[in-house]
Amino acid sequence: VDLLYLYASDDGHAGRLSLHEFYAKLGERVTRAIDEATAEGIVFRVDLRLRPEGRSGAICNSLGAAERYYETFGRTWERQVWLRARPSAGDPGLGEEARRRLEPFVYPRHLDPKKIDDVLSLRRLFVTEAEAQAGFDVKLASGGIRDVELVAQTLQLLHGGKKTDLRDANTLRALDRLHVAGLLRGREQRALGEAYRFWRRVEHRLQLEDGAQTHRVPAGEVERHRLARRLGFAALDPFDALVA
């Protein structure tokens, strides 16, 4: 799971700690509780790199500090992050307030079309990396999960500022909304939706294999045949024809 920790305000203290120090320690404890491996396994693998300033940024931010960061330094990929953001724990009211206050950043009324170049540059980067290795990467390779998401997100970034009915964090629902709005043909919406569902099924079977966070279809025929059977294919050739 990709988590981003926010708290309401920097005004006040928690004993001898500033609120920022207190919530930073709390964020570290919550992350360990979810992510640390025990004899019973783990709850979720936690990724905090999508927070303001990424790896070099504070583990948590006040809502005001986050708002100032995005207004001043926010990049196109961070708009994409917030397109799919939703409150998941803590105070749901604070989560909704964060989404409301960041709407002008996420859905600007007028987005410079050149910003789409940022999306395309990022896509070229991860596709090149994914395709440099053996086996198809269902998440990052050309035609995979991320490509479907990018279609939905790019159209939402371009049109969501004026058409609020396009705003939906769920990729499949977003594709439906884009079709209703006339921004995707029916054939395009169906093809993207079917591909997304299929690749997600493949991704889940891959990660159930040994509990590893992998997205790559095995290069070996034996392993690929086992994966194909788990997906309901009677033989390997039909599966390979879809993945090739």
C-alpha atoms as a PDB file:
ATOM      1  CA  VAL A   1       0.000   0.000   0.000  1.00  0.00           C
ATOM      2  CA  ASP A   2       1.128   3.561  -0.726  1.00  0.00           C
ATOM      3  CA  LEU A   3       0.544   5.657   2.382  1.00  0.00           C
ATOM      4  CA  LEU A   4       0.765   9.395   2.969  1.00  0.00           C
ATOM      5  CA  TYR A   5       0.425  10.574   6.573  1.00  0.00           C
ATOM      6  CA  LEU A   6      -1.257  13.907   7.378  1.00  0.00           C
ATOM      7  CA  TYR A   7      -2.270  15.561  10.637  1.00  0.00           C
ATOM      8  CA  ALA A   8      -4.490  18.579  11.169  1.00  0.00           C
ATOM      9  CA  SER A   9      -2.229  21.352  12.486  1.00  0.00           C
ATOM     10  CA  ASP A  10       1.178  22.249  13.912  1.00  0.00           C
ATOM     11  CA  ASP A  11      -0.445  24.428  16.589  1.00  0.00           C
ATOM     12  CA  GLY A  12       0.185  22.926  20.022  1.00  0.00           C
ATOM     13  CA  HIS A  13       2.334  20.258  21.662  1.00  0.00           C
ATOM     14  CA  ALA A  14       2.100  16.642  22.762  1.00  0.00           C
ATOM     15  CA  GLY A  15       3.873  16.757  26.110  1.00  0.00           C
ATOM     16  CA  ARG A  16       7.463  17.818  25.429  1.00  0.00           C
ATOM     17  CA  LEU A  17       7.175  17.000  21.734  1.00  0.00           C
ATOM     18  CA  SER A  18       5.989  19.291  18.977  1.00  0.00           C
ATOM     19  CA  LEU A  19       2.985  17.925  17.118  1.00  0.00           C
ATOM     20  CA  HIS A  20       5.219  17.298  14.116  1.00  0.00           C
ATOM     21  CA  GLU A  21       7.615  15.219  16.227  1.00  0.00           C
ATOM     22  CA  PHE A  22       4.735  13.342  17.846  1.00  0.00           C
ATOM     23  CA  TYR A  23       3.049  12.434  14.569  1.00  0.00           C
ATOM     24  CA  ALA A  24       6.359  11.504  12.957  1.00  0.00           C
ATOM     25  CA  LYS A  25       6.956   8.975  15.740  1.00  0.00           C
ATOM     26  CA  LEU A  26       3.372   7.750  15.467  1.00  0.00           C
ATOM     27  CA  GLY A  27       3.744   7.343  11.699  1.00  0.00           C
ATOM     28  CA  GLU A  28       6.903   5.284  12.200  1.00  0.00           C
ATOM     29  CA  ARG A  29       5.131   3.021  14.712  1.00  0.00           C
ATOM     30  CA  VAL A  30       2.087   2.548  12.472  1.00  0.00           C
ATOM     31  CA  THR A  31       4.339   1.710   9.518  1.00  0.00           C
ATOM     32  CA  ARG A  32       6.267  -0.869  11.543  1.00  0.00           C
ATOM     33  CA  ALA A  33       3.053  -2.445  12.829  1.00  0.00           C
ATOM     34  CA  ILE A  34       1.748  -2.902   9.294  1.00  0.00           C
ATOM     35  CA  ASP A  35       4.966  -3.653   7.413  1.00  0.00           C
ATOM     36  CA  GLU A  36       7.200  -5.585   9.804  1.00  0.00           C
ATOM     37  CA  ALA A  37       7.428  -9.310   9.189  1.00  0.00           C
ATOM     38  CA  THR A  38       6.496 -11.518  12.149  1.00  0.00           C
ATOM     39  CA  ALA A  39       5.954 -15.236  12.595  1.00  0.00           C
ATOM     40  CA  GLU A  40       2.389 -14.643  11.348  1.00  0.00           C
ATOM     41  CA  GLY A  41       3.586 -12.731   8.257  1.00  0.00           C
ATOM     42  CA  ILE A  42       2.848  -9.084   7.475  1.00  0.00           C
ATOM     43  CA  VAL A  43      -0.302  -7.021   7.046  1.00  0.00           C
ATOM     44  CA  PHE A  44       0.803  -4.957   4.012  1.00  0.00           C
ATOM     45  CA  ARG A  45       4.028  -3.866   2.426  1.00  0.00           C
ATOM     46  CA  VAL A  46       4.119  -0.110   2.983  1.00  0.00           C
ATOM     47  CA  ASP A  47       5.550   2.411   0.522  1.00  0.00           C
ATOM     48  CA  LEU A  48       5.920   6.000   1.751  1.00  0.00           C
ATOM     49  CA  ARG A  49       7.754   7.397  -1.287  1.00  0.00           C
ATOM     50  CA  LEU A  50       4.707   9.255  -2.612  1.00  0.00           C
ATOM     51  CA  ARG A  51       4.746  11.753   0.264  1.00  0.00           C
ATOM     52  CA  PRO A  52       5.888  15.375  -0.284  1.00  0.00           C
ATOM     53  CA  GLU A  53       9.583  15.416  -1.258  1.00  0.00           C
ATOM     54  CA  GLY A  54       9.612  11.617  -1.523  1.00  0.00           C
ATOM     55  CA  ARG A  55      12.350   9.708   0.289  1.00  0.00           C
ATOM     56  CA  SER A  56      13.977  12.922   1.534  1.00  0.00           C
ATOM     57  CA  GLY A  57      10.749  14.379   2.936  1.00  0.00           C
ATOM     58  CA  ALA A  58       9.271  14.180   6.414  1.00  0.00           C
ATOM     59  CA  ILE A  59       7.355  10.975   7.122  1.00  0.00           C
ATOM     60  CA  CYS A  60       4.254  13.059   7.856  1.00  0.00           C
ATOM     61  CA  ASN A  61       3.070  16.615   7.273  1.00  0.00           C
ATOM     62  CA  SER A  62       0.448  18.929   8.644  1.00  0.00           C
ATOM     63  CA  LEU A  63      -2.355  19.645   6.212  1.00  0.00           C
ATOM     64  CA  GLY A  64      -1.206  23.257   5.876  1.00  0.00           C
ATOM     65  CA  ALA A  65       2.398  22.257   5.153  1.00  0.00           C
ATOM     66  CA  ALA A  66       1.272  19.730   2.528  1.00  0.00           C
ATOM     67  CA  GLU A  67      -0.955  22.306   0.877  1.00  0.00           C
ATOM     68  CA  ARG A  68       1.903  24.824   0.674  1.00  0.00           C
ATOM     69  CA  TYR A  69       4.241  22.173  -0.752  1.00  0.00           C
ATOM     70  CA  TYR A  70       1.887  21.170  -3.556  1.00  0.00           C
ATOM     71  CA  GLU A  71       1.038  24.782  -4.412  1.00  0.00           C
ATOM     72  CA  THR A  72       4.739  25.652  -4.702  1.00  0.00           C
ATOM     73  CA  PHE A  73       6.543  22.512  -5.788  1.00  0.00           C
ATOM     74  CA  GLY A  74       3.877  20.005  -6.852  1.00  0.00           C
ATOM     75  CA  ARG A  75       4.716  18.060  -9.993  1.00  0.00           C
ATOM     76  CA  THR A  76       2.523  16.358 -12.552  1.00  0.00           C
ATOM     77  CA  TRP A  77       3.133  12.874 -11.144  1.00  0.00           C
ATOM     78  CA  GLU A  78       1.987  14.148  -7.737  1.00  0.00           C
ATOM     79  CA  ARG A  79      -1.282  15.248  -9.293  1.00  0.00           C
ATOM     80  CA  GLN A  80      -1.608  11.666 -10.525  1.00  0.00           C
ATOM     81  CA  VAL A  81      -1.002  10.408  -6.978  1.00  0.00           C
ATOM     82  CA  TRP A  82      -3.853  12.516  -5.620  1.00  0.00           C
ATOM     83  CA  LEU A  83      -6.199  11.506  -8.419  1.00  0.00           C
ATOM     84  CA  ARG A  84      -6.396   8.116  -6.697  1.00  0.00           C
ATOM     85  CA  ALA A  85      -5.992   9.189  -3.074  1.00  0.00           C
ATOM     86  CA  ARG A  86      -8.615   8.345  -0.467  1.00  0.00           C
ATOM     87  CA  PRO A  87      -8.789   8.426   3.325  1.00  0.00           C
ATOM     88  CA  SER A  88      -7.969   4.985   4.706  1.00  0.00           C
ATOM     89  CA  ALA A  89      -7.526   5.395   8.479  1.00  0.00           C
ATOM     90  CA  GLY A  90      -7.602   7.915  11.280  1.00  0.00           C
ATOM     91  CA  ASP A  91      -9.990  10.849  10.977  1.00  0.00           C
ATOM     92  CA  PRO A  92     -11.985  10.476   7.736  1.00  0.00           C
ATOM     93  CA  GLY A  93     -13.081  14.106   8.016  1.00  0.00           C
ATOM     94  CA  LEU A  94      -9.464  15.251   7.886  1.00  0.00           C
ATOM     95  CA  GLY A  95      -8.855  13.024   4.865  1.00  0.00           C
ATOM     96  CA  GLU A  96     -11.811  14.520   3.019  1.00  0.00           C
ATOM     97  CA  GLU A  97     -10.691  18.029   3.992  1.00  0.00           C
ATOM     98  CA  ALA A  98      -7.262  17.289   2.512  1.00  0.00           C
ATOM     99  CA  ARG A  99      -8.814  16.156  -0.753  1.00  0.00           C
ATOM    100  CA  ARG A 100     -11.077  19.220  -0.858  1.00  0.00           C
ATOM    101  CA  ARG A 101      -8.249  21.678  -0.212  1.00  0.00           C
ATOM    102  CA  LEU A 102      -5.974  20.046  -2.779  1.00  0.00           C
ATOM    103  CA  GLU A 103      -8.606  19.905  -5.524  1.00  0.00           C
ATOM    104  CA  PRO A 104      -7.336  23.110  -7.216  1.00  0.00           C
ATOM    105  CA  PHE A 105      -3.897  21.488  -7.482  1.00  0.00           C
ATOM    106  CA  VAL A 106      -5.128  18.077  -8.607  1.00  0.00           C
ATOM    107  CA  TYR A 107      -7.799  19.376 -10.992  1.00  0.00           C
ATOM    108  CA  PRO A 108      -6.712  22.801 -12.274  1.00  0.00           C
ATOM    109  CA  ARG A 109      -9.272  24.610 -14.401  1.00  0.00           C
ATOM    110  CA  HIS A 110      -6.649  25.019 -17.109  1.00  0.00           C
ATOM    111  CA  LEU A 111      -3.836  22.481 -17.384  1.00  0.00           C
ATOM    112  CA  ASP A 112      -1.016  23.305 -19.745  1.00  0.00           C
ATOM    113  CA  PRO A 113      -1.075  20.466 -22.330  1.00  0.00           C
ATOM    114  CA  LYS A 114       2.727  20.479 -22.112  1.00  0.00           C
ATOM    115  CA  LYS A 115       2.321  18.942 -18.645  1.00  0.00           C
ATOM    116  CA  ILE A 116       1.265  15.780 -20.430  1.00  0.00           C
ATOM    117  CA  ASP A 117       4.848  15.579 -21.676  1.00  0.00           C
ATOM    118  CA  ASP A 118       5.788  14.917 -18.034  1.00  0.00           C
ATOM    119  CA  VAL A 119       3.440  11.922 -18.000  1.00  0.00           C
ATOM    120  CA  LEU A 120       4.858  10.592 -21.262  1.00  0.00           C
ATOM    121  CA  SER A 121       8.462  11.069 -20.107  1.00  0.00           C
ATOM    122  CA  LEU A 122       7.762   9.125 -16.915  1.00  0.00           C
ATOM    123  CA  ARG A 123       6.048   6.396 -18.912  1.00  0.00           C
ATOM    124  CA  ARG A 124       9.013   6.054 -21.271  1.00  0.00           C
ATOM    125  CA  LEU A 125      11.293   5.716 -18.266  1.00  0.00           C
ATOM    126  CA  PHE A 126       9.470   2.877 -16.546  1.00  0.00           C
ATOM    127  CA  VAL A 127       8.628   1.058 -19.804  1.00  0.00           C
ATOM    128  CA  THR A 128      12.294   1.103 -20.830  1.00  0.00           C
ATOM    129  CA  GLU A 129      13.351  -0.263 -17.436  1.00  0.00           C
ATOM    130  CA  ALA A 130      10.605  -2.914 -17.393  1.00  0.00           C
ATOM    131  CA  GLU A 131      11.334  -4.209 -20.879  1.00  0.00           C
ATOM    132  CA  ALA A 132      15.086  -4.450 -20.290  1.00  0.00           C
ATOM    133  CA  GLN A 133      14.525  -7.640 -18.272  1.00  0.00           C
ATOM    134  CA  ALA A 134      13.263 -11.089 -19.191  1.00  0.00           C
ATOM    135  CA  GLY A 135       9.589 -11.821 -18.728  1.00  0.00           C
ATOM    136  CA  PHE A 136       6.631  -9.474 -19.171  1.00  0.00           C
ATOM    137  CA  ASP A 137       6.089  -6.960 -16.357  1.00  0.00           C
ATOM    138  CA  VAL A 138       2.303  -6.779 -16.004  1.00  0.00           C
ATOM    139  CA  LYS A 139       2.474  -3.488 -14.128  1.00  0.00           C
ATOM    140  CA  LEU A 140       5.067  -1.402 -15.958  1.00  0.00           C
ATOM    141  CA  ALA A 141       5.623  -2.868 -19.444  1.00  0.00           C
ATOM    142  CA  SER A 142       3.921  -1.393 -22.492  1.00  0.00           C
ATOM    143  CA  GLY A 143       0.225  -2.303 -22.469  1.00  0.00           C
ATOM    144  CA  GLY A 144       0.230  -3.261 -18.781  1.00  0.00           C
ATOM    145  CA  ILE A 145      -1.578  -2.005 -15.694  1.00  0.00           C
ATOM    146  CA  ARG A 146       0.163   1.358 -15.519  1.00  0.00           C
ATOM    147  CA  ASP A 147      -0.616   2.154 -19.160  1.00  0.00           C
ATOM    148  CA  VAL A 148      -4.352   1.676 -18.543  1.00  0.00           C
ATOM    149  CA  GLU A 149      -4.134   3.873 -15.459  1.00  0.00           C
ATOM    150  CA  LEU A 150      -2.260   6.554 -17.389  1.00  0.00           C
ATOM    151  CA  VAL A 151      -4.967   6.759 -20.038  1.00  0.00           C
ATOM    152  CA  ALA A 152      -7.594   7.380 -17.365  1.00  0.00           C
ATOM    153  CA  GLN A 153      -5.422   9.741 -15.343  1.00  0.00           C
ATOM    154  CA  THR A 154      -4.278  11.829 -18.307  1.00  0.00           C
ATOM    155  CA  LEU A 155      -7.848  12.414 -19.473  1.00  0.00           C
ATOM    156  CA  GLN A 156      -8.911  13.230 -15.909  1.00  0.00           C
ATOM    157  CA  LEU A 157      -6.067  15.738 -15.552  1.00  0.00           C
ATOM    158  CA  LEU A 158      -7.005  17.421 -18.830  1.00  0.00           C
ATOM    159  CA  HIS A 159     -10.760  17.563 -18.302  1.00  0.00           C
ATOM    160  CA  GLY A 160     -11.492  16.987 -14.608  1.00  0.00           C
ATOM    161  CA  GLY A 161     -11.019  20.654 -13.691  1.00  0.00           C
ATOM    162  CA  LYS A 162     -14.170  21.603 -15.572  1.00  0.00           C
ATOM    163  CA  LYS A 163     -16.039  18.292 -15.575  1.00  0.00           C
ATOM    164  CA  THR A 164     -16.370  17.232 -11.957  1.00  0.00           C
ATOM    165  CA  ASP A 165     -18.244  14.058 -12.923  1.00  0.00           C
ATOM    166  CA  LEU A 166     -14.956  12.656 -14.276  1.00  0.00           C
ATOM    167  CA  ARG A 167     -13.395  12.620 -10.822  1.00  0.00           C
ATOM    168  CA  ASP A 168     -13.163   9.076  -9.530  1.00  0.00           C
ATOM    169  CA  ALA A 169     -10.213   7.396  -7.810  1.00  0.00           C
ATOM    170  CA  ASN A 170     -11.180   3.953  -9.121  1.00  0.00           C
ATOM    171  CA  THR A 171      -9.626   3.245 -12.540  1.00  0.00           C
ATOM    172  CA  LEU A 172     -12.469   1.111 -13.901  1.00  0.00           C
ATOM    173  CA  ARG A 173     -15.141   3.578 -12.798  1.00  0.00           C
ATOM    174  CA  ALA A 174     -13.051   6.409 -14.244  1.00  0.00           C
ATOM    175  CA  LEU A 175     -12.979   4.623 -17.614  1.00  0.00           C
ATOM    176  CA  ASP A 176     -16.773   4.305 -17.476  1.00  0.00           C
ATOM    177  CA  ARG A 177     -17.136   8.020 -16.708  1.00  0.00           C
ATOM    178  CA  LEU A 178     -14.768   8.973 -19.520  1.00  0.00           C
ATOM    179  CA  HIS A 179     -16.815   6.879 -21.928  1.00  0.00           C
ATOM    180  CA  VAL A 180     -20.086   8.500 -20.836  1.00  0.00           C
ATOM    181  CA  ALA A 181     -18.454  11.918 -21.296  1.00  0.00           C
ATOM    182  CA  GLY A 182     -17.493  11.012 -24.865  1.00  0.00           C
ATOM    183  CA  LEU A 183     -13.753  11.022 -24.187  1.00  0.00           C
ATOM    184  CA  LEU A 184     -13.376   7.281 -24.845  1.00  0.00           C
ATOM    185  CA  ARG A 185     -15.120   5.222 -27.497  1.00  0.00           C
ATOM    186  CA  GLY A 186     -17.040   2.184 -26.282  1.00  0.00           C
ATOM    187  CA  ARG A 187     -14.516  -0.134 -27.905  1.00  0.00           C
ATOM    188  CA  GLU A 188     -11.627   1.668 -26.200  1.00  0.00           C
ATOM    189  CA  GLN A 189     -13.318   1.636 -22.810  1.00  0.00           C
ATOM    190  CA  ARG A 190     -14.063  -2.105 -23.050  1.00  0.00           C
ATOM    191  CA  ALA A 191     -10.553  -3.000 -24.247  1.00  0.00           C
ATOM    192  CA  LEU A 192      -8.892  -0.982 -21.488  1.00  0.00           C
ATOM    193  CA  GLY A 193     -11.224  -2.360 -18.814  1.00  0.00           C
ATOM    194  CA  GLU A 194     -10.748  -5.968 -19.890  1.00  0.00           C
ATOM    195  CA  ALA A 195      -6.962  -5.556 -20.017  1.00  0.00           C
ATOM    196  CA  TYR A 196      -6.919  -3.954 -16.575  1.00  0.00           C
ATOM    197  CA  ARG A 197      -8.973  -6.735 -14.998  1.00  0.00           C
ATOM    198  CA  PHE A 198      -6.877  -9.436 -16.644  1.00  0.00           C
ATOM    199  CA  TRP A 199      -3.510  -7.948 -15.626  1.00  0.00           C
ATOM    200  CA  ARG A 200      -4.715  -7.456 -12.065  1.00  0.00           C
ATOM    201  CA  ARG A 201      -5.682 -11.144 -11.916  1.00  0.00           C
ATOM    202  CA  VAL A 202      -2.250 -12.105 -13.239  1.00  0.00           C
ATOM    203  CA  GLU A 203      -0.570  -9.788 -10.735  1.00  0.00           C
ATOM    204  CA  HIS A 204      -2.463 -11.343  -7.826  1.00  0.00           C
ATOM    205  CA  ARG A 205      -1.605 -14.904  -8.892  1.00  0.00           C
ATOM    206  CA  LEU A 206       2.068 -13.955  -9.277  1.00  0.00           C
ATOM    207  CA  GLN A 207       2.234 -12.504  -5.792  1.00  0.00           C
ATOM    208  CA  LEU A 208       0.406 -15.454  -4.241  1.00  0.00           C
ATOM    209  CA  GLU A 209       3.080 -17.784  -5.622  1.00  0.00           C
ATOM    210  CA  ASP A 210       5.618 -17.050  -2.881  1.00  0.00           C
ATOM    211  CA  GLY A 211       4.401 -13.885  -1.218  1.00  0.00           C
ATOM    212  CA  ALA A 212       6.867 -11.727  -3.140  1.00  0.00           C
ATOM    213  CA  GLN A 213       6.028  -8.294  -4.483  1.00  0.00           C
ATOM    214  CA  THR A 214       6.576  -9.157  -8.112  1.00  0.00           C
ATOM    215  CA  HIS A 215       4.826  -8.143 -11.323  1.00  0.00           C
ATOM    216  CA  ARG A 216       6.890 -10.130 -13.805  1.00  0.00           C
ATOM    217  CA  VAL A 217       5.576 -13.148 -15.701  1.00  0.00           C
ATOM    218  CA  PRO A 218       8.183 -15.931 -15.376  1.00  0.00           C
ATOM    219  CA  ALA A 219      10.430 -16.498 -18.365  1.00  0.00           C
ATOM    220  CA  GLY A 220      10.627 -20.254 -17.673  1.00  0.00           C
ATOM    221  CA  GLU A 221       8.054 -22.420 -19.426  1.00  0.00           C
ATOM    222  CA  VAL A 222       7.304 -24.616 -16.392  1.00  0.00           C
ATOM    223  CA  GLU A 223       6.625 -21.622 -14.133  1.00  0.00           C
ATOM    224  CA  ARG A 224       4.574 -19.912 -16.842  1.00  0.00           C
ATOM    225  CA  HIS A 225       2.502 -23.056 -17.398  1.00  0.00           C
ATOM    226  CA  ARG A 226       1.742 -23.248 -13.655  1.00  0.00           C
ATOM    227  CA  LEU A 227       0.668 -19.600 -13.698  1.00  0.00           C
ATOM    228  CA  ALA A 228      -1.531 -20.194 -16.748  1.00  0.00           C
ATOM    229  CA  ARG A 229      -3.317 -23.098 -15.023  1.00  0.00           C
ATOM    230  CA  ARG A 230      -3.968 -20.942 -11.948  1.00  0.00           C
ATOM    231  CA  LEU A 231      -5.595 -18.394 -14.234  1.00  0.00           C
ATOM    232  CA  GLY A 232      -7.879 -21.018 -15.748  1.00  0.00           C
ATOM    233  CA  PHE A 233      -6.025 -21.720 -18.997  1.00  0.00           C
ATOM    234  CA  ALA A 234      -6.041 -25.371 -20.080  1.00  0.00           C
ATOM    235  CA  ALA A 235      -2.804 -24.936 -22.036  1.00  0.00           C
ATOM    236  CA  LEU A 236       0.145 -22.554 -22.147  1.00  0.00           C
ATOM    237  CA  ASP A 237      -0.166 -21.362 -25.747  1.00  0.00           C
ATOM    238  CA  PRO A 238      -3.402 -19.333 -25.290  1.00  0.00           C
ATOM    239  CA  PHE A 239      -1.892 -17.637 -22.227  1.00  0.00           C
ATOM    240  CA  ASP A 240       1.354 -16.835 -24.030  1.00  0.00           C
ATOM    241  CA  ALA A 241      -0.633 -15.420 -26.950  1.00  0.00           C
ATOM    242  CA  LEU A 242      -2.278 -12.897 -24.593  1.00  0.00           C
ATOM    243  CA  VAL A 243       0.921 -11.952 -22.814  1.00  0.00           C
ATOM    244  CA  ALA A 244       3.173 -11.743 -25.889  1.00  0.00           C
END
